[in-house]
C-alpha cells in the first residue's frame, strides 16, 4: 500500500530529478522509492557506506557530503534555509 510523505529539496535538484525520471519513463515518486529501497535493503554501519550509483551522481550537484547532525531540527532547518538565500 502506498503512503505519502513530504520532503524538501532544492528547486534545481527537483527539476533535474524530474527530467531524469521522465527520460527514464518513471515518476519522480517511483524513482525515489527505488533509491530508498536500494539503500534500506542492506544494513550499513554508517551513511558513508551507502552505495551511490552513477545515476544518482548524475542528479547530484556535486560529491555527496554527509554531516552527522548534532543540532536540533529547527536549527538545521534554519541553517538550510539561510544557505539557499
PDB file of N, CA and C in Angstrom:
ATOM      1  N   UNK A   1       0.843  -1.169   0.000  1.00  0.00           N
ATOM      2  CA  UNK A   1       0.000   0.000   0.000  1.00  0.00           C
ATOM      3  C   UNK A   1       0.894   1.240   0.000  1.00  0.00           C
ATOM      4  N   UNK A   2       0.568   2.185  -0.865  1.00  0.00           N
ATOM      5  CA  UNK A   2       1.333   3.419  -0.943  1.00  0.00           C
ATOM      6  C   UNK A   2       0.947   4.360   0.185  1.00  0.00           C
ATOM      7  N   UNK A   3       1.914   5.142   0.642  1.00  0.00           N
ATOM      8  CA  UNK A   3       1.693   6.180   1.638  1.00  0.00           C
ATOM      9  C   UNK A   3       2.405   7.435   1.159  1.00  0.00           C
ATOM     10  N   UNK A   4       1.927   8.589   1.543  1.00  0.00           N
ATOM     11  CA  UNK A   4       2.521   9.850   1.110  1.00  0.00           C
ATOM     12  C   UNK A   4       3.427  10.407   2.199  1.00  0.00           C
ATOM     13  N   UNK A   5       4.517  11.061   1.747  1.00  0.00           N
ATOM     14  CA  UNK A   5       5.413  11.777   2.646  1.00  0.00           C
ATOM     15  C   UNK A   5       5.729  13.126   2.008  1.00  0.00           C
ATOM     16  N   UNK A   6       6.209  14.044   2.797  1.00  0.00           N
ATOM     17  CA  UNK A   6       6.613  15.347   2.282  1.00  0.00           C
ATOM     18  C   UNK A   6       8.110  15.497   2.508  1.00  0.00           C
ATOM     19  N   UNK A   7       8.823  15.832   1.439  1.00  0.00           N
ATOM     20  CA  UNK A   7      10.263  16.048   1.509  1.00  0.00           C
ATOM     21  C   UNK A   7      10.573  17.418   0.933  1.00  0.00           C
ATOM     22  N   UNK A   8      11.654  18.033   1.384  1.00  0.00           N
ATOM     23  CA  UNK A   8      12.073  19.330   0.853  1.00  0.00           C
ATOM     24  C   UNK A   8      13.444  19.185   0.214  1.00  0.00           C
ATOM     25  N   UNK A   9      13.547  19.645  -1.027  1.00  0.00           N
ATOM     26  CA  UNK A   9      14.802  19.624  -1.766  1.00  0.00           C
ATOM     27  C   UNK A   9      14.999  20.982  -2.430  1.00  0.00           C
ATOM     28  N   UNK A  10      16.210  21.273  -2.805  1.00  0.00           N
ATOM     29  CA  UNK A  10      16.496  22.462  -3.591  1.00  0.00           C
ATOM     30  C   UNK A  10      15.711  22.379  -4.900  1.00  0.00           C
ATOM     31  N   UNK A  11      15.109  23.487  -5.317  1.00  0.00           N
ATOM     32  CA  UNK A  11      14.256  23.523  -6.503  1.00  0.00           C
ATOM     33  C   UNK A  11      14.991  23.027  -7.757  1.00  0.00           C
ATOM     34  N   UNK A  12      16.256  23.403  -7.917  1.00  0.00           N
ATOM     35  CA  UNK A  12      17.025  22.989  -9.099  1.00  0.00           C
ATOM     36  C   UNK A  12      17.229  21.470  -9.115  1.00  0.00           C
ATOM     37  N   UNK A  13      17.444  20.885  -7.955  1.00  0.00           N
ATOM     38  CA  UNK A  13      17.612  19.434  -7.873  1.00  0.00           C
ATOM     39  C   UNK A  13      16.313  18.738  -8.256  1.00  0.00           C
ATOM     40  N   UNK A  14      15.194  19.272  -7.780  1.00  0.00           N
ATOM     41  CA  UNK A  14      13.896  18.683  -8.114  1.00  0.00           C
ATOM     42  C   UNK A  14      13.677  18.714  -9.625  1.00  0.00           C
ATOM     43  N   UNK A  15      13.972  19.835 -10.253  1.00  0.00           N
ATOM     44  CA  UNK A  15      13.763  19.949 -11.700  1.00  0.00           C
ATOM     45  C   UNK A  15      14.648  18.962 -12.474  1.00  0.00           C
ATOM     46  N   UNK A  16      15.905  18.832 -12.071  1.00  0.00           N
ATOM     47  CA  UNK A  16      16.795  17.866 -12.737  1.00  0.00           C
ATOM     48  C   UNK A  16      16.310  16.451 -12.509  1.00  0.00           C
ATOM     49  N   UNK A  17      15.870  16.157 -11.291  1.00  0.00           N
ATOM     50  CA  UNK A  17      15.381  14.807 -10.972  1.00  0.00           C
ATOM     51  C   UNK A  17      14.134  14.482 -11.786  1.00  0.00           C
ATOM     52  N   UNK A  18      13.228  15.455 -11.930  1.00  0.00           N
ATOM     53  CA  UNK A  18      12.022  15.237 -12.732  1.00  0.00           C
ATOM     54  C   UNK A  18      12.372  14.936 -14.179  1.00  0.00           C
ATOM     55  N   UNK A  19      13.309  15.698 -14.731  1.00  0.00           N
ATOM     56  CA  UNK A  19      13.736  15.468 -16.121  1.00  0.00           C
ATOM     57  C   UNK A  19      14.360  14.081 -16.269  1.00  0.00           C
ATOM     58  N   UNK A  20      15.182  13.712 -15.295  1.00  0.00           N
ATOM     59  CA  UNK A  20      15.817  12.393 -15.350  1.00  0.00           C
ATOM     60  C   UNK A  20      14.763  11.290 -15.287  1.00  0.00           C
ATOM     61  N   UNK A  21      13.845  11.406 -14.356  1.00  0.00           N
ATOM     62  CA  UNK A  21      12.801  10.388 -14.204  1.00  0.00           C
ATOM     63  C   UNK A  21      11.961  10.289 -15.471  1.00  0.00           C
ATOM     64  N   UNK A  22      11.591  11.432 -16.036  1.00  0.00           N
ATOM     65  CA  UNK A  22      10.786  11.427 -17.265  1.00  0.00           C
ATOM     66  C   UNK A  22      11.547  10.772 -18.414  1.00  0.00           C
ATOM     67  N   UNK A  23      12.826  11.071 -18.531  1.00  0.00           N
ATOM     68  CA  UNK A  23      13.641  10.475 -19.595  1.00  0.00           C
ATOM     69  C   UNK A  23      13.745   8.964 -19.446  1.00  0.00           C
ATOM     70  N   UNK A  24      13.547   8.472 -18.232  1.00  0.00           N
ATOM     71  CA  UNK A  24      13.623   7.036 -17.972  1.00  0.00           C
ATOM     72  C   UNK A  24      12.246   6.418 -17.726  1.00  0.00           C
ATOM     73  N   UNK A  25      11.221   7.143 -18.191  1.00  0.00           N
ATOM     74  CA  UNK A  25       9.839   6.653 -18.151  1.00  0.00           C
ATOM     75  C   UNK A  25       9.375   6.208 -16.771  1.00  0.00           C
ATOM     76  N   UNK A  26       9.640   7.056 -15.769  1.00  0.00           N
ATOM     77  CA  UNK A  26       9.146   6.768 -14.428  1.00  0.00           C
ATOM     78  C   UNK A  26       8.798   8.080 -13.749  1.00  0.00           C
ATOM     79  N   UNK A  27       7.990   7.989 -12.733  1.00  0.00           N
ATOM     80  CA  UNK A  27       7.650   9.179 -11.954  1.00  0.00           C
ATOM     81  C   UNK A  27       8.770   9.476 -10.968  1.00  0.00           C
ATOM     82  N   UNK A  28       8.794  10.710 -10.521  1.00  0.00           N
ATOM     83  CA  UNK A  28       9.775  11.093  -9.509  1.00  0.00           C
ATOM     84  C   UNK A  28       9.543  10.289  -8.229  1.00  0.00           C
ATOM     85  N   UNK A  29       8.278  10.061  -7.885  1.00  0.00           N
ATOM     86  CA  UNK A  29       7.962   9.266  -6.697  1.00  0.00           C
ATOM     87  C   UNK A  29       8.521   7.854  -6.813  1.00  0.00           C
ATOM     88  N   UNK A  30       8.322   7.236  -7.970  1.00  0.00           N
ATOM     89  CA  UNK A  30       8.814   5.862  -8.165  1.00  0.00           C
ATOM     90  C   UNK A  30      10.342   5.833  -8.123  1.00  0.00           C
ATOM     91  N   UNK A  31      10.993   6.853  -8.710  1.00  0.00           N
ATOM     92  CA  UNK A  31      12.454   6.900  -8.694  1.00  0.00           C
ATOM     93  C   UNK A  31      12.966   6.999  -7.265  1.00  0.00           C
ATOM     94  N   UNK A  32      12.343   7.870  -6.443  1.00  0.00           N
ATOM     95  CA  UNK A  32      12.772   8.000  -5.054  1.00  0.00           C
ATOM     96  C   UNK A  32      12.505   6.709  -4.283  1.00  0.00           C
ATOM     97  N   UNK A  33      11.401   6.051  -4.585  1.00  0.00           N
ATOM     98  CA  UNK A  33      11.106   4.776  -3.931  1.00  0.00           C
ATOM     99  C   UNK A  33      12.204   3.754  -4.240  1.00  0.00           C
ATOM    100  N   UNK A  34      12.652   3.709  -5.500  1.00  0.00           N
ATOM    101  CA  UNK A  34      13.720   2.778  -5.875  1.00  0.00           C
ATOM    102  C   UNK A  34      15.023   3.093  -5.136  1.00  0.00           C
ATOM    103  N   UNK A  35      15.342   4.383  -5.020  1.00  0.00           N
ATOM    104  CA  UNK A  35      16.560   4.790  -4.305  1.00  0.00           C
ATOM    105  C   UNK A  35      16.468   4.385  -2.834  1.00  0.00           C
ATOM    106  N   UNK A  36      15.347   4.706  -2.202  1.00  0.00           N
ATOM    107  CA  UNK A  36      15.189   4.370  -0.778  1.00  0.00           C
ATOM    108  C   UNK A  36      15.164   2.865  -0.548  1.00  0.00           C
ATOM    109  N   UNK A  37      14.544   2.132  -1.473  1.00  0.00           N
ATOM    110  CA  UNK A  37      14.527   0.677  -1.356  1.00  0.00           C
ATOM    111  C   UNK A  37      15.940   0.117  -1.434  1.00  0.00           C
ATOM    112  N   UNK A  38      16.725   0.606  -2.390  1.00  0.00           N
ATOM    113  CA  UNK A  38      18.096   0.126  -2.554  1.00  0.00           C
ATOM    114  C   UNK A  38      18.930   0.415  -1.298  1.00  0.00           C
ATOM    115  N   UNK A  39      18.768   1.595  -0.751  1.00  0.00           N
ATOM    116  CA  UNK A  39      19.535   1.986   0.434  1.00  0.00           C
ATOM    117  C   UNK A  39      19.147   1.164   1.657  1.00  0.00           C
ATOM    118  N   UNK A  40      17.854   0.900   1.811  1.00  0.00           N
ATOM    119  CA  UNK A  40      17.384   0.284   3.053  1.00  0.00           C
ATOM    120  C   UNK A  40      17.312  -1.239   3.023  1.00  0.00           C
ATOM    121  N   UNK A  41      17.612  -1.865   1.901  1.00  0.00           N
ATOM    122  CA  UNK A  41      17.548  -3.324   1.854  1.00  0.00           C
ATOM    123  C   UNK A  41      18.783  -3.980   2.454  1.00  0.00           C
ATOM    124  N   UNK A  42      19.819  -3.199   2.680  1.00  0.00           N
ATOM    125  CA  UNK A  42      21.033  -3.731   3.306  1.00  0.00           C
ATOM    126  C   UNK A  42      21.294  -2.958   4.580  1.00  0.00           C
ATOM    127  N   UNK A  43      22.042  -3.557   5.473  1.00  0.00           N
ATOM    128  CA  UNK A  43      22.393  -2.867   6.706  1.00  0.00           C
ATOM    129  C   UNK A  43      23.770  -2.233   6.545  1.00  0.00           C
ATOM    130  N   UNK A  44      23.853  -0.994   6.932  1.00  0.00           N
ATOM    131  CA  UNK A  44      25.109  -0.252   6.851  1.00  0.00           C
ATOM    132  C   UNK A  44      25.471   0.267   8.233  1.00  0.00           C
ATOM    133  N   UNK A  45      26.769   0.308   8.520  1.00  0.00           N
ATOM    134  CA  UNK A  45      27.229   0.822   9.808  1.00  0.00           C
ATOM    135  C   UNK A  45      27.195   2.345   9.859  1.00  0.00           C
ATOM    136  N   UNK A  46      27.301   2.981   8.701  1.00  0.00           N
ATOM    137  CA  UNK A  46      27.264   4.439   8.653  1.00  0.00           C
ATOM    138  C   UNK A  46      26.721   4.883   7.301  1.00  0.00           C
ATOM    139  N   UNK A  47      26.311   6.132   7.226  1.00  0.00           N
ATOM    140  CA  UNK A  47      25.758   6.665   5.984  1.00  0.00           C
ATOM    141  C   UNK A  47      26.813   6.719   4.877  1.00  0.00           C
ATOM    142  N   UNK A  48      28.077   6.823   5.246  1.00  0.00           N
ATOM    143  CA  UNK A  48      29.149   6.868   4.262  1.00  0.00           C
ATOM    144  C   UNK A  48      29.268   5.555   3.480  1.00  0.00           C
ATOM    145  N   UNK A  49      28.720   4.466   4.001  1.00  0.00           N
ATOM    146  CA  UNK A  49      28.787   3.176   3.324  1.00  0.00           C
ATOM    147  C   UNK A  49      27.697   2.995   2.275  1.00  0.00           C
ATOM    148  N   UNK A  50      26.711   3.901   2.215  1.00  0.00           N
ATOM    149  CA  UNK A  50      25.631   3.756   1.236  1.00  0.00           C
ATOM    150  C   UNK A  50      26.206   3.751  -0.170  1.00  0.00           C
ATOM    151  N   UNK A  51      25.778   2.814  -1.006  1.00  0.00           N
ATOM    152  CA  UNK A  51      26.230   2.827  -2.396  1.00  0.00           C
ATOM    153  C   UNK A  51      25.502   3.930  -3.162  1.00  0.00           C
ATOM    154  N   UNK A  52      26.243   4.778  -3.814  1.00  0.00           N
ATOM    155  CA  UNK A  52      25.630   5.834  -4.608  1.00  0.00           C
ATOM    156  C   UNK A  52      25.913   5.500  -6.067  1.00  0.00           C
ATOM    157  N   UNK A  53      24.876   5.106  -6.763  1.00  0.00           N
ATOM    158  CA  UNK A  53      25.056   4.666  -8.142  1.00  0.00           C
ATOM    159  C   UNK A  53      25.334   5.847  -9.057  1.00  0.00           C
ATOM    160  N   UNK A  54      25.791   5.538 -10.262  1.00  0.00           N
ATOM    161  CA  UNK A  54      26.137   6.573 -11.230  1.00  0.00           C
ATOM    162  C   UNK A  54      24.973   7.510 -11.518  1.00  0.00           C
ATOM    163  N   UNK A  55      23.759   6.966 -11.614  1.00  0.00           N
ATOM    164  CA  UNK A  55      22.641   7.841 -11.977  1.00  0.00           C
ATOM    165  C   UNK A  55      22.275   8.789 -10.857  1.00  0.00           C
ATOM    166  N   UNK A  56      22.542   8.429  -9.605  1.00  0.00           N
ATOM    167  CA  UNK A  56      22.315   9.372  -8.514  1.00  0.00           C
ATOM    168  C   UNK A  56      23.376  10.468  -8.585  1.00  0.00           C
ATOM    169  N   UNK A  57      24.604  10.113  -8.916  1.00  0.00           N
ATOM    170  CA  UNK A  57      25.659  11.106  -9.064  1.00  0.00           C
ATOM    171  C   UNK A  57      25.361  12.083 -10.187  1.00  0.00           C
ATOM    172  N   UNK A  58      24.697  11.610 -11.237  1.00  0.00           N
ATOM    173  CA  UNK A  58      24.322  12.491 -12.341  1.00  0.00           C
ATOM    174  C   UNK A  58      23.359  13.564 -11.849  1.00  0.00           C
ATOM    175  N   UNK A  59      22.429  13.186 -10.992  1.00  0.00           N
ATOM    176  CA  UNK A  59      21.425  14.119 -10.485  1.00  0.00           C
ATOM    177  C   UNK A  59      22.040  15.086  -9.474  1.00  0.00           C
ATOM    178  N   UNK A  60      23.017  14.631  -8.729  1.00  0.00           N
ATOM    179  CA  UNK A  60      23.594  15.432  -7.648  1.00  0.00           C
ATOM    180  C   UNK A  60      24.333  16.650  -8.179  1.00  0.00           C
ATOM    181  N   UNK A  61      24.406  17.690  -7.359  1.00  0.00           N
ATOM    182  CA  UNK A  61      25.127  18.902  -7.733  1.00  0.00           C
ATOM    183  C   UNK A  61      26.636  18.723  -7.639  1.00  0.00           C
ATOM    184  N   UNK A  62      27.074  17.789  -6.849  1.00  0.00           N
ATOM    185  CA  UNK A  62      28.497  17.569  -6.646  1.00  0.00           C
ATOM    186  C   UNK A  62      28.673  16.332  -5.809  1.00  0.00           C
ATOM    187  N   UNK A  63      29.873  16.116  -5.281  1.00  0.00           N
ATOM    188  CA  UNK A  63      30.086  14.929  -4.458  1.00  0.00           C
ATOM    189  C   UNK A  63      29.219  14.957  -3.208  1.00  0.00           C
ATOM    190  N   UNK A  64      28.830  13.787  -2.769  1.00  0.00           N
ATOM    191  CA  UNK A  64      27.969  13.680  -1.589  1.00  0.00           C
ATOM    192  C   UNK A  64      28.731  14.111  -0.350  1.00  0.00           C
ATOM    193  N   UNK A  65      28.060  14.883   0.484  1.00  0.00           N
ATOM    194  CA  UNK A  65      28.617  15.292   1.768  1.00  0.00           C
ATOM    195  C   UNK A  65      27.636  14.879   2.840  1.00  0.00           C
ATOM    196  N   UNK A  66      28.096  14.112   3.803  1.00  0.00           N
ATOM    197  CA  UNK A  66      27.242  13.676   4.884  1.00  0.00           C
ATOM    198  C   UNK A  66      27.694  14.343   6.166  1.00  0.00           C
ATOM    199  N   UNK A  67      26.741  14.930   6.855  1.00  0.00           N
ATOM    200  CA  UNK A  67      27.040  15.562   8.132  1.00  0.00           C
ATOM    201  C   UNK A  67      26.230  14.854   9.196  1.00  0.00           C
ATOM    202  N   UNK A  68      26.871  14.501  10.261  1.00  0.00           N
ATOM    203  CA  UNK A  68      26.171  13.893  11.375  1.00  0.00           C
ATOM    204  C   UNK A  68      25.531  15.028  12.182  1.00  0.00           C
ATOM    205  N   UNK A  69      24.237  14.976  12.283  1.00  0.00           N
ATOM    206  CA  UNK A  69      23.501  16.056  12.935  1.00  0.00           C
ATOM    207  C   UNK A  69      23.644  15.981  14.448  1.00  0.00           C
ATOM    208  N   UNK A  70      24.218  17.010  14.996  1.00  0.00           N
ATOM    209  CA  UNK A  70      24.274  17.111  16.456  1.00  0.00           C
ATOM    210  C   UNK A  70      23.416  18.288  16.911  1.00  0.00           C
ATOM    211  N   UNK A  71      22.835  18.981  15.927  1.00  0.00           N
ATOM    212  CA  UNK A  71      21.992  20.129  16.227  1.00  0.00           C
ATOM    213  C   UNK A  71      20.532  19.707  16.274  1.00  0.00           C
ATOM    214  N   UNK A  72      19.714  20.552  16.819  1.00  0.00           N
ATOM    215  CA  UNK A  72      18.276  20.311  16.851  1.00  0.00           C
ATOM    216  C   UNK A  72      17.687  20.566  15.469  1.00  0.00           C
ATOM    217  N   UNK A  73      16.549  19.947  15.214  1.00  0.00           N
ATOM    218  CA  UNK A  73      15.912  20.014  13.895  1.00  0.00           C
ATOM    219  C   UNK A  73      15.656  21.452  13.445  1.00  0.00           C
ATOM    220  N   UNK A  74      15.145  22.307  14.320  1.00  0.00           N
ATOM    221  CA  UNK A  74      14.856  23.692  13.949  1.00  0.00           C
ATOM    222  C   UNK A  74      16.128  24.421  13.563  1.00  0.00           C
ATOM    223  N   UNK A  75      17.198  24.195  14.295  1.00  0.00           N
ATOM    224  CA  UNK A  75      18.472  24.823  13.989  1.00  0.00           C
ATOM    225  C   UNK A  75      18.972  24.387  12.610  1.00  0.00           C
ATOM    226  N   UNK A  76      18.853  23.090  12.306  1.00  0.00           N
ATOM    227  CA  UNK A  76      19.268  22.580  10.998  1.00  0.00           C
ATOM    228  C   UNK A  76      18.414  23.169   9.885  1.00  0.00           C
ATOM    229  N   UNK A  77      17.109  23.275  10.119  1.00  0.00           N
ATOM    230  CA  UNK A  77      16.197  23.834   9.126  1.00  0.00           C
ATOM    231  C   UNK A  77      16.547  25.301   8.856  1.00  0.00           C
ATOM    232  N   UNK A  78      16.781  26.075   9.905  1.00  0.00           N
ATOM    233  CA  UNK A  78      17.146  27.485   9.745  1.00  0.00           C
ATOM    234  C   UNK A  78      18.461  27.618   8.974  1.00  0.00           C
ATOM    235  N   UNK A  79      19.419  26.761   9.287  1.00  0.00           N
ATOM    236  CA  UNK A  79      20.705  26.782   8.595  1.00  0.00           C
ATOM    237  C   UNK A  79      20.528  26.454   7.118  1.00  0.00           C
ATOM    238  N   UNK A  80      19.714  25.450   6.816  1.00  0.00           N
ATOM    239  CA  UNK A  80      19.448  25.049   5.433  1.00  0.00           C
ATOM    240  C   UNK A  80      18.843  26.207   4.645  1.00  0.00           C
ATOM    241  N   UNK A  81      17.818  26.847   5.212  1.00  0.00           N
ATOM    242  CA  UNK A  81      17.140  27.930   4.514  1.00  0.00           C
ATOM    243  C   UNK A  81      18.041  29.162   4.362  1.00  0.00           C
ATOM    244  N   UNK A  82      18.929  29.416   5.317  1.00  0.00           N
ATOM    245  CA  UNK A  82      19.820  30.570   5.199  1.00  0.00           C
ATOM    246  C   UNK A  82      20.857  30.374   4.104  1.00  0.00           C
ATOM    247  N   UNK A  83      21.223  29.122   3.812  1.00  0.00           N
ATOM    248  CA  UNK A  83      22.201  28.845   2.742  1.00  0.00           C
ATOM    249  C   UNK A  83      21.586  29.021   1.362  1.00  0.00           C
ATOM    250  N   UNK A  84      20.273  28.878   1.259  1.00  0.00           N
ATOM    251  CA  UNK A  84      19.604  28.960  -0.033  1.00  0.00           C
ATOM    252  C   UNK A  84      19.450  30.407  -0.509  1.00  0.00           C
ATOM    253  N   UNK A  85      19.645  31.374   0.368  1.00  0.00           N
ATOM    254  CA  UNK A  85      19.435  32.784   0.008  1.00  0.00           C
ATOM    255  C   UNK A  85      20.584  33.338  -0.777  1.00  0.00           C
TER     256      UNK A  85
END
